[in-house]
Structure formats: structure tokens, C-alpha cells
Amino acid sequence: MEIKELKILLKNTKYGQFIGNINHVELKGYKYDNLYKIGNEDSGYFAIKIRNNKEKHISDSIKNMRIMNDQNNFIHKYTDIIEKDGSIILISEWLNGLQPIDSHREHLPKIFSLLAQFNKDNIVEGPFTSMYTDGNYFDTIEGLINWEINYHKKYMQDIIDTKEIIEVLNCLKYGIPCLILEDMNPGNLIITENVKYKFIDTEWIIKGLNLYQFEKINYFGFDERKWYNINEEAKDCYSAYFETLGIKAEEANDQIRAFELLQVLRTNTFLKCQGDDASNEEEIRKRIKAVLGEKSFI
């Protein structure tokens, strides 16, 4: 959305006073097209995110934020929500602080410990979903996992025998059904000036599987070493998370292996859907063998 369009949306709201002071938010050279900083020194500054009111995960997130138990004040909450002209305007206080992207990454294990506590405090019943299920919802976690296994299986059959793969993936079913922060990456985290940890992007707070929050943990280095991935800190983040949950190492390793394998399948499916030129079956086989051969992750 262009700033001129946002000005029209904010007109006749209490934020209309800031129409002359709206700026796009940028991170690492990327300018967000739906996130803005507004305000002034006298009235304070706010973050505004604009989303379409037909996006189901947005309405899910808003509902879940109203019922969640956040004893550590880990989630940065909205100060206001306005629905207008087909858009949802999400307003929160602008936070100053550090992000664990280029530096300060030693804080990431502590953040994953807080994530685990949040999940423990927010066990829920379905329906469950994920950003990877094409908008489908499932009454049980088992249903969600079975759908995803079957979805990726059809793209794997020409690459490798899927029997062992499915056995490993079934360990996902030992995960926790809870409120999750599915877009868990360093760019969505703030360490405030008084060293409080905050998760700032709340549009994917959904009912799902706790293990699905590990997408940006780059344990094997399969993905590029970008600021939004968790690289050298991967093992410490896994350890901090499962220690807080109180899950023993053997069981934790089985669950991590299952998710790491699922990540490989997701990559393969994505490449196959891009066409034959993008697919790299030999690399996928190599990654599968690496995951299956890893004795322990923590």
C-alpha cells in the first residue's frame, strides 16, 4: 500500500493527526509494503500494519491474542485494531531496541526458552492449521501432519524409498498442540533497552504444532547463511527450547529429526513445483541422508 492510500485509511480515525508523519519501515534494505512508522515525539510513535480483512490467519491471530496466556509479556500486543474499507489496521507501540540479526545473536537461546514457555502455557484444542497447508484446517494435530506427509510424499516417490521417511515423520505427532509463532525468525524479535525480549510480528499466532516454529533454524546449513536464519546458534536454541519444555534428549532428538526431514521435503516439493529446471534430486537425497544419519541434535 502506498502512503497516500494509508493517509486515506487513517482519515477520520484518531491516528489521522499523524498523516503528515508516516514512513515505510525498512530492514536490511528491504522496504515493507504494509508496515509503517507513524507519530511524533509529543504523542509517541506507533507501528501500523495493514492487512486484508479476508485473510483468515489474521483474524485467527487476533482471536488467539485475546485468549493467550503470556506470563512473560513476550508477545508485543496491539494497542488498537481498526477495520475499515476492507482492510484491518493493526496498531502497536513502536519499540526501540536491538534485533538479533547481524549481532546480539547470543540472545537467541533465551528467546527460544521463552518461546517454549509460551507454548507450555497455551495448550489448545483445534482446529489446527499452518502456513503450509493451503488454508486447510484440521480437528487434530495428527490430521494436520498426515495431510502434510501425504502432500509431500507424492513428490518424493521417484527420489527415494519413502517408508523410513514416513516412520521418522510420524514422530512429529509427539509434538505439542498449542498456540505457535509460526514466523519465528530473528527479524521478528526485539531486545528492548531494558533487556526485555519481545516478539513483534503477530500475524501468524495460530493454533498449530510447536515443532513448526523451527523453520528458520538452519542446523545443517542447507539454507543460505542469511540474517533471518539461525545458524551457529541452532543447537543451543534447540537445547534451550526442549530443556524448558522438560523433554528428555532422546525424545527431543526424534522430534527435531522429524522436523528437519520435513523441511527437506518442503524444499523438494517447492523445487518440483517450480519445474524440472529447479529440481535437484541428488541434493535432496544428500540432505535426507544427512538428517537420517545425525545421531543427536542436542
C-alpha atoms as a PDB file:
ATOM      1  CA  MET A   1       0.000   0.000   0.000  1.00  0.00           C
ATOM      2  CA  GLU A   2       1.260   3.441  -0.906  1.00  0.00           C
ATOM      3  CA  ILE A   3       1.483   6.062   1.842  1.00  0.00           C
ATOM      4  CA  LYS A   4      -1.161   8.171   0.072  1.00  0.00           C
ATOM      5  CA  GLU A   5      -3.585   5.237   0.367  1.00  0.00           C
ATOM      6  CA  LEU A   6      -2.761   4.825   4.063  1.00  0.00           C
ATOM      7  CA  LYS A   7      -3.493   8.515   4.614  1.00  0.00           C
ATOM      8  CA  ILE A   8      -6.992   7.947   3.244  1.00  0.00           C
ATOM      9  CA  LEU A   9      -7.493   4.962   5.550  1.00  0.00           C
ATOM     10  CA  LEU A  10      -6.352   6.887   8.621  1.00  0.00           C
ATOM     11  CA  LYS A  11      -8.512   9.902   7.867  1.00  0.00           C
ATOM     12  CA  ASN A  12     -11.293  10.347  10.426  1.00  0.00           C
ATOM     13  CA  THR A  13      -9.591   7.985  12.871  1.00  0.00           C
ATOM     14  CA  LYS A  14      -7.715   9.103  15.970  1.00  0.00           C
ATOM     15  CA  TYR A  15      -4.493   8.433  14.052  1.00  0.00           C
ATOM     16  CA  GLY A  16      -5.405  10.971  11.392  1.00  0.00           C
ATOM     17  CA  GLN A  17      -3.325  13.521  13.309  1.00  0.00           C
ATOM     18  CA  PHE A  18      -0.199  11.660  12.130  1.00  0.00           C
ATOM     19  CA  ILE A  19      -0.990  11.775   8.405  1.00  0.00           C
ATOM     20  CA  GLY A  20       1.890  14.174   7.880  1.00  0.00           C
ATOM     21  CA  ASN A  21       4.374  11.859   9.580  1.00  0.00           C
ATOM     22  CA  ILE A  22       4.198   8.393   8.009  1.00  0.00           C
ATOM     23  CA  ASN A  23       7.254   6.410   6.937  1.00  0.00           C
ATOM     24  CA  HIS A  24       7.755   2.983   5.417  1.00  0.00           C
ATOM     25  CA  VAL A  25       9.661   0.528   7.633  1.00  0.00           C
ATOM     26  CA  GLU A  26      12.866  -0.927   6.207  1.00  0.00           C
ATOM     27  CA  LEU A  27      15.053  -3.785   7.407  1.00  0.00           C
ATOM     28  CA  LYS A  28      18.328  -4.804   5.774  1.00  0.00           C
ATOM     29  CA  GLY A  29      17.482  -2.730   2.710  1.00  0.00           C
ATOM     30  CA  TYR A  30      14.012  -4.247   2.271  1.00  0.00           C
ATOM     31  CA  LYS A  31      11.101  -1.828   2.351  1.00  0.00           C
ATOM     32  CA  TYR A  32       7.903  -3.406   3.665  1.00  0.00           C
ATOM     33  CA  ASP A  33       4.830  -2.561   1.622  1.00  0.00           C
ATOM     34  CA  ASN A  34       2.385  -2.964   4.515  1.00  0.00           C
ATOM     35  CA  LEU A  35       4.316  -1.771   7.586  1.00  0.00           C
ATOM     36  CA  TYR A  36       4.774   1.850   8.648  1.00  0.00           C
ATOM     37  CA  LYS A  37       6.051   4.021  11.476  1.00  0.00           C
ATOM     38  CA  ILE A  38       3.821   6.954  12.420  1.00  0.00           C
ATOM     39  CA  GLY A  39       3.701   9.532  15.198  1.00  0.00           C
ATOM     40  CA  ASN A  40       5.813  12.259  16.738  1.00  0.00           C
ATOM     41  CA  GLU A  41       7.833  12.963  19.887  1.00  0.00           C
ATOM     42  CA  ASP A  42       4.915  14.579  21.680  1.00  0.00           C
ATOM     43  CA  SER A  43       2.312  11.852  21.096  1.00  0.00           C
ATOM     44  CA  GLY A  44       4.675   8.897  20.720  1.00  0.00           C
ATOM     45  CA  TYR A  45       5.394   6.600  17.814  1.00  0.00           C
ATOM     46  CA  PHE A  46       3.412   3.625  16.565  1.00  0.00           C
ATOM     47  CA  ALA A  47       3.852   0.733  14.191  1.00  0.00           C
ATOM     48  CA  ILE A  48       0.982   0.233  11.764  1.00  0.00           C
ATOM     49  CA  LYS A  49       0.470  -2.918   9.714  1.00  0.00           C
ATOM     50  CA  ILE A  50      -2.216  -3.119   7.015  1.00  0.00           C
ATOM     51  CA  ARG A  51      -3.781  -6.446   6.071  1.00  0.00           C
ATOM     52  CA  ASN A  52      -6.789  -7.531   4.033  1.00  0.00           C
ATOM     53  CA  ASN A  53      -9.760  -8.382   6.236  1.00  0.00           C
ATOM     54  CA  LYS A  54     -10.326 -11.594   4.252  1.00  0.00           C
ATOM     55  CA  GLU A  55      -7.009 -13.125   5.368  1.00  0.00           C
ATOM     56  CA  LYS A  56      -8.091 -15.897   7.718  1.00  0.00           C
ATOM     57  CA  HIS A  57      -4.784 -16.180   9.588  1.00  0.00           C
ATOM     58  CA  ILE A  58      -5.052 -12.508  10.566  1.00  0.00           C
ATOM     59  CA  SER A  59      -8.450 -12.967  12.186  1.00  0.00           C
ATOM     60  CA  ASP A  60      -7.148 -16.167  13.807  1.00  0.00           C
ATOM     61  CA  SER A  61      -4.182 -14.289  15.246  1.00  0.00           C
ATOM     62  CA  ILE A  62      -6.359 -11.523  16.664  1.00  0.00           C
ATOM     63  CA  LYS A  63      -8.655 -14.075  18.349  1.00  0.00           C
ATOM     64  CA  ASN A  64      -5.714 -16.047  19.715  1.00  0.00           C
ATOM     65  CA  MET A  65      -4.044 -12.960  21.154  1.00  0.00           C
ATOM     66  CA  ARG A  66      -7.215 -12.303  23.125  1.00  0.00           C
ATOM     67  CA  ILE A  67      -7.159 -15.748  24.771  1.00  0.00           C
ATOM     68  CA  MET A  68      -3.423 -16.390  25.103  1.00  0.00           C
ATOM     69  CA  ASN A  69      -1.567 -16.695  28.394  1.00  0.00           C
ATOM     70  CA  ASP A  70       1.557 -14.533  28.104  1.00  0.00           C
ATOM     71  CA  GLN A  71       3.009 -14.511  31.622  1.00  0.00           C
ATOM     72  CA  ASN A  72       6.403 -13.256  30.406  1.00  0.00           C
ATOM     73  CA  ASN A  73       4.892 -10.456  28.289  1.00  0.00           C
ATOM     74  CA  PHE A  74       6.786 -11.972  25.364  1.00  0.00           C
ATOM     75  CA  ILE A  75       4.268 -11.009  22.672  1.00  0.00           C
ATOM     76  CA  HIS A  76       4.146  -7.355  21.636  1.00  0.00           C
ATOM     77  CA  LYS A  77       0.434  -6.638  21.683  1.00  0.00           C
ATOM     78  CA  TYR A  78      -1.741  -4.328  19.625  1.00  0.00           C
ATOM     79  CA  THR A  79      -2.892  -1.077  21.186  1.00  0.00           C
ATOM     80  CA  ASP A  80      -5.672  -0.731  18.636  1.00  0.00           C
ATOM     81  CA  ILE A  81      -7.329  -2.637  15.776  1.00  0.00           C
ATOM     82  CA  ILE A  82      -9.414  -0.808  13.196  1.00  0.00           C
ATOM     83  CA  GLU A  83     -11.382  -2.427  10.380  1.00  0.00           C
ATOM     84  CA  LYS A  84     -12.101  -0.058   7.517  1.00  0.00           C
ATOM     85  CA  ASP A  85     -12.712  -0.251   3.768  1.00  0.00           C
ATOM     86  CA  GLY A  86     -11.792  -3.937   3.511  1.00  0.00           C
ATOM     87  CA  SER A  87      -8.568  -3.530   5.493  1.00  0.00           C
ATOM     88  CA  ILE A  88      -7.545  -4.346   9.030  1.00  0.00           C
ATOM     89  CA  ILE A  89      -5.308  -1.683  10.558  1.00  0.00           C
ATOM     90  CA  LEU A  90      -3.137  -3.177  13.309  1.00  0.00           C
ATOM     91  CA  ILE A  91      -1.543  -0.595  15.610  1.00  0.00           C
ATOM     92  CA  SER A  92       1.090  -1.203  18.254  1.00  0.00           C
ATOM     93  CA  GLU A  93       3.514   0.907  20.244  1.00  0.00           C
ATOM     94  CA  TRP A  94       6.776   1.475  18.400  1.00  0.00           C
ATOM     95  CA  LEU A  95       9.566  -0.366  20.217  1.00  0.00           C
ATOM     96  CA  ASN A  96      13.167   0.781  20.347  1.00  0.00           C
ATOM     97  CA  GLY A  97      15.846  -1.791  20.900  1.00  0.00           C
ATOM     98  CA  LEU A  98      18.197  -4.277  19.270  1.00  0.00           C
ATOM     99  CA  GLN A  99      17.409  -7.043  16.824  1.00  0.00           C
ATOM    100  CA  PRO A 100      19.467 -10.258  16.903  1.00  0.00           C
ATOM    101  CA  ILE A 101      20.276 -10.191  13.199  1.00  0.00           C
ATOM    102  CA  ASP A 102      23.848  -9.015  12.499  1.00  0.00           C
ATOM    103  CA  SER A 103      24.844  -9.103  16.169  1.00  0.00           C
ATOM    104  CA  HIS A 104      23.399  -9.832  19.617  1.00  0.00           C
ATOM    105  CA  ARG A 105      22.607 -13.352  18.445  1.00  0.00           C
ATOM    106  CA  GLU A 106      23.793 -14.767  21.753  1.00  0.00           C
ATOM    107  CA  HIS A 107      20.298 -13.863  22.990  1.00  0.00           C
ATOM    108  CA  LEU A 108      18.574 -16.348  20.656  1.00  0.00           C
ATOM    109  CA  PRO A 109      18.671 -19.398  23.006  1.00  0.00           C
ATOM    110  CA  LYS A 110      16.993 -17.340  25.758  1.00  0.00           C
ATOM    111  CA  ILE A 111      14.334 -16.298  23.281  1.00  0.00           C
ATOM    112  CA  PHE A 112      13.663 -19.930  22.354  1.00  0.00           C
ATOM    113  CA  SER A 113      13.353 -20.743  26.037  1.00  0.00           C
ATOM    114  CA  LEU A 114      10.678 -18.038  26.318  1.00  0.00           C
ATOM    115  CA  LEU A 115       9.002 -19.464  23.227  1.00  0.00           C
ATOM    116  CA  ALA A 116       8.860 -22.889  24.871  1.00  0.00           C
ATOM    117  CA  GLN A 117       7.297 -21.409  27.997  1.00  0.00           C
ATOM    118  CA  PHE A 118       4.722 -19.601  25.859  1.00  0.00           C
ATOM    119  CA  ASN A 119       3.840 -22.876  24.159  1.00  0.00           C
ATOM    120  CA  LYS A 120       3.579 -24.715  27.502  1.00  0.00           C
ATOM    121  CA  ASP A 121       1.214 -22.055  28.790  1.00  0.00           C
ATOM    122  CA  ASN A 122      -1.005 -22.196  25.703  1.00  0.00           C
ATOM    123  CA  ILE A 123      -2.023 -25.795  25.046  1.00  0.00           C
ATOM    124  CA  VAL A 124      -5.140 -25.666  22.865  1.00  0.00           C
ATOM    125  CA  GLU A 125      -7.689 -27.753  21.056  1.00  0.00           C
ATOM    126  CA  GLY A 126      -8.247 -27.461  17.293  1.00  0.00           C
ATOM    127  CA  PRO A 127      -8.907 -26.620  14.630  1.00  0.00           C
ATOM    128  CA  PHE A 128      -5.208 -26.529  13.720  1.00  0.00           C
ATOM    129  CA  THR A 129      -3.503 -25.091  10.663  1.00  0.00           C
ATOM    130  CA  SER A 130      -0.168 -23.913   9.245  1.00  0.00           C
ATOM    131  CA  MET A 131       1.081 -21.515   6.607  1.00  0.00           C
ATOM    132  CA  TYR A 132       1.996 -24.698   4.689  1.00  0.00           C
ATOM    133  CA  THR A 133      -1.460 -26.268   4.477  1.00  0.00           C
ATOM    134  CA  ASP A 134      -3.000 -24.115   1.738  1.00  0.00           C
ATOM    135  CA  GLY A 135      -5.640 -22.688   4.060  1.00  0.00           C
ATOM    136  CA  ASN A 136      -6.819 -26.084   5.329  1.00  0.00           C
ATOM    137  CA  TYR A 137      -7.817 -26.614   8.968  1.00  0.00           C
ATOM    138  CA  PHE A 138      -7.742 -29.892  10.907  1.00  0.00           C
ATOM    139  CA  ASP A 139      -9.537 -31.066  14.030  1.00  0.00           C
ATOM    140  CA  THR A 140      -6.396 -32.812  15.305  1.00  0.00           C
ATOM    141  CA  ILE A 141      -2.631 -32.406  15.064  1.00  0.00           C
ATOM    142  CA  GLU A 142      -2.482 -35.917  13.631  1.00  0.00           C
ATOM    143  CA  GLY A 143      -4.776 -34.816  10.812  1.00  0.00           C
ATOM    144  CA  LEU A 144      -2.572 -31.800  10.066  1.00  0.00           C
ATOM    145  CA  ILE A 145       0.594 -33.906   9.981  1.00  0.00           C
ATOM    146  CA  ASN A 146      -0.968 -36.681   7.877  1.00  0.00           C
ATOM    147  CA  TRP A 147      -2.108 -34.103   5.336  1.00  0.00           C
ATOM    148  CA  GLU A 148       1.363 -32.629   5.020  1.00  0.00           C
ATOM    149  CA  ILE A 149       3.094 -36.024   4.841  1.00  0.00           C
ATOM    150  CA  ASN A 150       0.757 -37.154   2.067  1.00  0.00           C
ATOM    151  CA  TYR A 151       1.134 -33.852   0.249  1.00  0.00           C
ATOM    152  CA  HIS A 152       4.929 -34.103   0.097  1.00  0.00           C
ATOM    153  CA  LYS A 153       5.078 -37.886  -0.368  1.00  0.00           C
ATOM    154  CA  LYS A 154       3.872 -37.714  -3.966  1.00  0.00           C
ATOM    155  CA  TYR A 155       6.880 -35.559  -4.860  1.00  0.00           C
ATOM    156  CA  MET A 156       9.337 -37.934  -3.143  1.00  0.00           C
ATOM    157  CA  GLN A 157       8.440 -41.318  -4.596  1.00  0.00           C
ATOM    158  CA  ASP A 158      10.761 -41.022  -7.613  1.00  0.00           C
ATOM    159  CA  ILE A 159      13.681 -39.941  -5.419  1.00  0.00           C
ATOM    160  CA  ILE A 160      13.932 -42.392  -2.525  1.00  0.00           C
ATOM    161  CA  ASP A 161      12.027 -45.135  -0.712  1.00  0.00           C
ATOM    162  CA  THR A 162       9.563 -43.274   1.494  1.00  0.00           C
ATOM    163  CA  LYS A 163       8.932 -45.999   4.115  1.00  0.00           C
ATOM    164  CA  GLU A 164      11.695 -44.892   6.518  1.00  0.00           C
ATOM    165  CA  ILE A 165      10.912 -41.257   5.830  1.00  0.00           C
ATOM    166  CA  ILE A 166       7.290 -41.682   6.887  1.00  0.00           C
ATOM    167  CA  GLU A 167       8.330 -43.555  10.039  1.00  0.00           C
ATOM    168  CA  VAL A 168      10.564 -40.632  11.033  1.00  0.00           C
ATOM    169  CA  LEU A 169       7.954 -38.000  10.138  1.00  0.00           C
ATOM    170  CA  ASN A 170       5.408 -39.721  12.364  1.00  0.00           C
ATOM    171  CA  CYS A 171       7.477 -38.503  15.343  1.00  0.00           C
ATOM    172  CA  LEU A 172       6.022 -35.063  14.603  1.00  0.00           C
ATOM    173  CA  LYS A 173       2.838 -36.389  16.207  1.00  0.00           C
ATOM    174  CA  TYR A 174       4.563 -36.319  19.608  1.00  0.00           C
ATOM    175  CA  GLY A 175       4.776 -32.525  19.391  1.00  0.00           C
ATOM    176  CA  ILE A 176       2.574 -30.141  21.341  1.00  0.00           C
ATOM    177  CA  PRO A 177      -0.787 -28.775  20.102  1.00  0.00           C
ATOM    178  CA  CYS A 178      -0.588 -25.135  21.164  1.00  0.00           C
ATOM    179  CA  LEU A 179      -0.589 -21.515  20.115  1.00  0.00           C
ATOM    180  CA  ILE A 180       2.504 -21.076  17.970  1.00  0.00           C
ATOM    181  CA  LEU A 181       4.514 -18.206  16.465  1.00  0.00           C
ATOM    182  CA  GLU A 182       4.982 -19.791  13.069  1.00  0.00           C
ATOM    183  CA  ASP A 183       7.011 -16.915  11.607  1.00  0.00           C
ATOM    184  CA  MET A 184       9.736 -17.245  14.234  1.00  0.00           C
ATOM    185  CA  ASN A 185      12.847 -15.538  12.859  1.00  0.00           C
ATOM    186  CA  PRO A 186      15.405 -13.033  14.220  1.00  0.00           C
ATOM    187  CA  GLY A 187      13.836 -10.172  12.269  1.00  0.00           C
ATOM    188  CA  ASN A 188      10.652 -10.522  14.301  1.00  0.00           C
ATOM    189  CA  LEU A 189      12.435 -10.157  17.631  1.00  0.00           C
ATOM    190  CA  ILE A 190      13.387  -7.092  19.650  1.00  0.00           C
ATOM    191  CA  ILE A 191      15.595  -6.838  22.712  1.00  0.00           C
ATOM    192  CA  THR A 192      14.393  -3.646  24.364  1.00  0.00           C
ATOM    193  CA  GLU A 193      16.594  -1.055  26.035  1.00  0.00           C
ATOM    194  CA  ASN A 194      15.790  -2.562  29.456  1.00  0.00           C
ATOM    195  CA  VAL A 195      16.621  -6.066  28.119  1.00  0.00           C
ATOM    196  CA  LYS A 196      13.097  -7.365  27.688  1.00  0.00           C
ATOM    197  CA  TYR A 197      12.527  -9.869  24.891  1.00  0.00           C
ATOM    198  CA  LYS A 198       9.658  -9.153  22.513  1.00  0.00           C
ATOM    199  CA  PHE A 199       8.153 -10.965  19.539  1.00  0.00           C
ATOM    200  CA  ILE A 200       6.865  -8.192  17.284  1.00  0.00           C
ATOM    201  CA  ASP A 201       5.207  -9.811  14.242  1.00  0.00           C
ATOM    202  CA  THR A 202       1.984 -11.371  15.426  1.00  0.00           C
ATOM    203  CA  GLU A 203       0.052 -12.186  12.253  1.00  0.00           C
ATOM    204  CA  TRP A 204       0.901 -15.910  12.445  1.00  0.00           C
ATOM    205  CA  ILE A 205      -0.112 -16.628  16.042  1.00  0.00           C
ATOM    206  CA  ILE A 206      -2.181 -19.684  15.211  1.00  0.00           C
ATOM    207  CA  LYS A 207      -3.270 -22.986  16.682  1.00  0.00           C
ATOM    208  CA  GLY A 208      -0.702 -25.430  15.406  1.00  0.00           C
ATOM    209  CA  LEU A 209       2.202 -27.764  16.109  1.00  0.00           C
ATOM    210  CA  ASN A 210       5.035 -26.406  18.243  1.00  0.00           C
ATOM    211  CA  LEU A 211       7.709 -28.004  16.039  1.00  0.00           C
ATOM    212  CA  TYR A 212       6.606 -25.890  13.092  1.00  0.00           C
ATOM    213  CA  GLN A 213       8.251 -22.878  14.751  1.00  0.00           C
ATOM    214  CA  PHE A 214      11.735 -24.195  13.849  1.00  0.00           C
ATOM    215  CA  GLU A 215      11.636 -23.248  10.172  1.00  0.00           C
ATOM    216  CA  LYS A 216      14.463 -20.691  10.399  1.00  0.00           C
ATOM    217  CA  ILE A 217      16.789 -22.961  12.387  1.00  0.00           C
ATOM    218  CA  ASN A 218      19.480 -23.782   9.827  1.00  0.00           C
ATOM    219  CA  TYR A 219      21.103 -26.681  11.707  1.00  0.00           C
ATOM    220  CA  PHE A 220      22.710 -28.397   8.698  1.00  0.00           C
ATOM    221  CA  GLY A 221      23.454 -25.240   6.738  1.00  0.00           C
ATOM    222  CA  PHE A 222      21.175 -26.353   3.900  1.00  0.00           C
ATOM    223  CA  ASP A 223      19.898 -22.796   3.514  1.00  0.00           C
ATOM    224  CA  GLU A 224      21.923 -19.675   2.863  1.00  0.00           C
ATOM    225  CA  ARG A 225      23.587 -18.068   5.857  1.00  0.00           C
ATOM    226  CA  LYS A 226      21.248 -15.096   5.913  1.00  0.00           C
ATOM    227  CA  TRP A 227      20.440 -12.862   8.889  1.00  0.00           C
ATOM    228  CA  TYR A 228      16.942 -14.305   9.139  1.00  0.00           C
ATOM    229  CA  ASN A 229      18.254 -17.866   9.581  1.00  0.00           C
ATOM    230  CA  ILE A 230      19.615 -19.305  12.824  1.00  0.00           C
ATOM    231  CA  ASN A 231      22.986 -20.833  12.047  1.00  0.00           C
ATOM    232  CA  GLU A 232      25.743 -21.295  14.684  1.00  0.00           C
ATOM    233  CA  GLU A 233      23.105 -20.844  17.387  1.00  0.00           C
ATOM    234  CA  ALA A 234      20.945 -23.728  16.094  1.00  0.00           C
ATOM    235  CA  LYS A 235      21.993 -26.405  18.601  1.00  0.00           C
ATOM    236  CA  ASP A 236      21.806 -24.019  21.567  1.00  0.00           C
ATOM    237  CA  CYS A 237      18.327 -22.872  20.505  1.00  0.00           C
ATOM    238  CA  TYR A 238      17.102 -26.444  20.199  1.00  0.00           C
ATOM    239  CA  SER A 239      18.618 -27.300  23.592  1.00  0.00           C
ATOM    240  CA  ALA A 240      17.131 -24.269  25.349  1.00  0.00           C
ATOM    241  CA  TYR A 241      13.704 -24.929  23.866  1.00  0.00           C
ATOM    242  CA  PHE A 242      13.413 -28.591  24.838  1.00  0.00           C
ATOM    243  CA  GLU A 243      15.039 -28.088  28.227  1.00  0.00           C
ATOM    244  CA  THR A 244      12.342 -25.533  29.062  1.00  0.00           C
ATOM    245  CA  LEU A 245       9.670 -27.971  27.896  1.00  0.00           C
ATOM    246  CA  GLY A 246      11.191 -30.621  30.143  1.00  0.00           C
ATOM    247  CA  ILE A 247      11.544 -33.129  27.306  1.00  0.00           C
ATOM    248  CA  LYS A 248      14.436 -35.582  27.522  1.00  0.00           C
ATOM    249  CA  ALA A 249      17.156 -35.505  24.881  1.00  0.00           C
ATOM    250  CA  GLU A 250      16.244 -38.801  23.214  1.00  0.00           C
ATOM    251  CA  GLU A 251      12.654 -37.770  22.598  1.00  0.00           C
ATOM    252  CA  ALA A 252      13.689 -34.248  21.622  1.00  0.00           C
ATOM    253  CA  ASN A 253      16.157 -35.630  19.067  1.00  0.00           C
ATOM    254  CA  ASP A 254      13.411 -37.739  17.466  1.00  0.00           C
ATOM    255  CA  GLN A 255      11.141 -34.706  17.136  1.00  0.00           C
ATOM    256  CA  ILE A 256      13.909 -32.471  15.784  1.00  0.00           C
ATOM    257  CA  ARG A 257      14.946 -35.124  13.243  1.00  0.00           C
ATOM    258  CA  ALA A 258      11.332 -35.383  12.082  1.00  0.00           C
ATOM    259  CA  PHE A 259      11.038 -31.639  11.577  1.00  0.00           C
ATOM    260  CA  GLU A 260      14.436 -31.334   9.871  1.00  0.00           C
ATOM    261  CA  LEU A 261      13.330 -34.084   7.479  1.00  0.00           C
ATOM    262  CA  LEU A 262      10.028 -32.329   6.865  1.00  0.00           C
ATOM    263  CA  GLN A 263      11.974 -29.202   5.929  1.00  0.00           C
ATOM    264  CA  VAL A 264      13.829 -31.172   3.244  1.00  0.00           C
ATOM    265  CA  LEU A 265      10.546 -32.473   1.867  1.00  0.00           C
ATOM    266  CA  ARG A 266       9.090 -28.971   1.805  1.00  0.00           C
ATOM    267  CA  THR A 267      12.116 -27.790  -0.161  1.00  0.00           C
ATOM    268  CA  ASN A 268      11.817 -30.669  -2.621  1.00  0.00           C
ATOM    269  CA  THR A 269       8.115 -30.006  -3.172  1.00  0.00           C
ATOM    270  CA  PHE A 270       8.782 -26.315  -3.749  1.00  0.00           C
ATOM    271  CA  LEU A 271      11.520 -27.077  -6.302  1.00  0.00           C
ATOM    272  CA  LYS A 272       9.403 -29.683  -8.094  1.00  0.00           C
ATOM    273  CA  CYS A 273       6.546 -27.199  -8.367  1.00  0.00           C
ATOM    274  CA  GLN A 274       8.968 -24.690  -9.907  1.00  0.00           C
ATOM    275  CA  GLY A 275       9.632 -27.129 -12.746  1.00  0.00           C
ATOM    276  CA  ASP A 276      12.302 -29.622 -13.811  1.00  0.00           C
ATOM    277  CA  ASP A 277      14.948 -26.930 -14.179  1.00  0.00           C
ATOM    278  CA  ALA A 278      14.703 -26.087 -10.468  1.00  0.00           C
ATOM    279  CA  SER A 279      14.601 -29.652  -9.142  1.00  0.00           C
ATOM    280  CA  ASN A 280      17.815 -31.199  -7.758  1.00  0.00           C
ATOM    281  CA  GLU A 281      17.097 -34.775  -6.747  1.00  0.00           C
ATOM    282  CA  GLU A 282      20.709 -35.639  -5.931  1.00  0.00           C
ATOM    283  CA  GLU A 283      20.935 -32.746  -3.467  1.00  0.00           C
ATOM    284  CA  ILE A 284      17.645 -33.811  -1.864  1.00  0.00           C
ATOM    285  CA  ARG A 285      18.951 -37.374  -1.421  1.00  0.00           C
ATOM    286  CA  LYS A 286      22.096 -35.964   0.167  1.00  0.00           C
ATOM    287  CA  ARG A 287      20.074 -33.882   2.611  1.00  0.00           C
ATOM    288  CA  ILE A 288      17.799 -36.772   3.548  1.00  0.00           C
ATOM    289  CA  LYS A 289      20.797 -38.987   4.306  1.00  0.00           C
ATOM    290  CA  ALA A 290      22.369 -36.217   6.404  1.00  0.00           C
ATOM    291  CA  VAL A 291      19.213 -35.815   8.504  1.00  0.00           C
ATOM    292  CA  LEU A 292      18.649 -39.555   8.950  1.00  0.00           C
ATOM    293  CA  GLY A 293      22.298 -40.094   9.801  1.00  0.00           C
ATOM    294  CA  GLU A 294      22.549 -37.429  12.503  1.00  0.00           C
ATOM    295  CA  LYS A 295      22.829 -39.223  15.854  1.00  0.00           C
ATOM    296  CA  SER A 296      21.784 -36.316  18.043  1.00  0.00           C
ATOM    297  CA  PHE A 297      20.842 -32.665  17.702  1.00  0.00           C
ATOM    298  CA  ILE A 298      21.144 -31.635  21.337  1.00  0.00           C
END
